[in-house]
Amino acid sequence: MAATCDVCGKGPGFGHNISHSNRRTKRRWNPNIQRVRALVGEAGVTPKRLNVCTSCLKAGKVKR
């Protein structure tokens, strides 16, 4: 599953793990993506499964 939100388009952030000896290794921070059955369409009646981040769910951007 791709780590992108279908509502806001939020994707992973990239950076480094930094050890105690200051060595850097690549890592990524994935958004908290949940697979949600949401009502989509101009009338808002068609149920469809979407990948939605929890910040969009909390903000009420998705009608469940």
Protein backbone atom coordinates (compact mmCIF):
# COMPACT_ATOMS: atom_id res chain seq x y z
CA MET A 1 0.00 0.00 0.00
CA ALA A 2 1.35 3.43 -0.90
CA ALA A 3 1.93 5.74 2.06
CA THR A 4 -0.07 8.64 0.61
CA CYS A 5 -3.36 10.13 1.73
CA ASP A 6 -6.10 10.18 -0.93
CA VAL A 7 -7.62 13.36 0.56
CA CYS A 8 -4.72 15.74 1.26
CA GLY A 9 -1.93 13.99 -0.65
CA LYS A 10 0.34 13.78 2.38
CA GLY A 11 3.25 11.42 1.72
CA PRO A 12 6.32 10.18 3.57
CA GLY A 13 8.98 12.53 4.88
CA PHE A 14 12.62 11.63 4.41
CA GLY A 15 15.65 12.18 6.58
CA HIS A 16 18.33 10.42 8.59
CA ASN A 17 18.60 8.32 11.71
CA ILE A 18 21.47 9.79 13.69
CA SER A 19 23.28 7.41 16.02
CA HIS A 20 25.05 8.33 19.23
CA SER A 21 28.34 8.39 17.30
CA ASN A 22 26.66 10.80 14.80
CA ARG A 23 26.53 8.28 11.92
CA ARG A 24 23.65 8.94 9.55
CA THR A 25 21.50 6.28 7.87
CA LYS A 26 18.52 6.98 5.64
CA ARG A 27 15.00 6.62 7.01
CA ARG A 28 11.46 7.74 6.25
CA TRP A 29 8.55 8.94 8.36
CA ASN A 30 5.30 7.54 7.00
CA PRO A 31 1.99 9.30 7.69
CA ASN A 32 -0.54 7.36 9.75
CA ILE A 33 -2.65 5.99 6.87
CA GLN A 34 -5.89 4.14 7.57
CA ARG A 35 -8.03 2.32 5.01
CA VAL A 36 -11.50 3.82 5.48
CA ARG A 37 -14.85 3.16 3.86
CA ALA A 38 -15.96 6.69 2.99
CA LEU A 39 -18.90 8.21 1.15
CA VAL A 40 -17.70 9.73 -2.12
CA GLY A 41 -19.25 11.42 -5.15
CA GLU A 42 -21.16 14.62 -5.82
CA ALA A 43 -24.17 13.33 -3.85
CA GLY A 44 -21.97 11.75 -1.16
CA VAL A 45 -23.73 8.40 -1.31
CA THR A 46 -21.27 6.04 -3.03
CA PRO A 47 -19.22 4.09 -0.47
CA LYS A 48 -15.59 3.64 -1.51
CA ARG A 49 -12.43 2.49 0.25
CA LEU A 50 -9.88 5.30 0.60
CA ASN A 51 -6.43 5.58 2.14
CA VAL A 52 -6.82 8.50 4.55
CA CYS A 53 -4.37 9.94 7.06
CA THR A 54 -5.58 10.26 10.65
CA SER A 55 -5.20 14.05 10.61
CA CYS A 56 -7.83 14.21 7.83
CA LEU A 57 -10.09 11.86 9.79
CA LYS A 58 -9.72 13.99 12.91
CA ALA A 59 -10.37 17.21 10.97
CA GLY A 60 -13.59 15.75 9.54
CA LYS A 61 -12.51 16.00 5.89
CA VAL A 62 -13.96 12.53 5.21
CA LYS A 63 -17.61 11.58 5.47
CA ARG A 64 -17.78 7.99 6.76
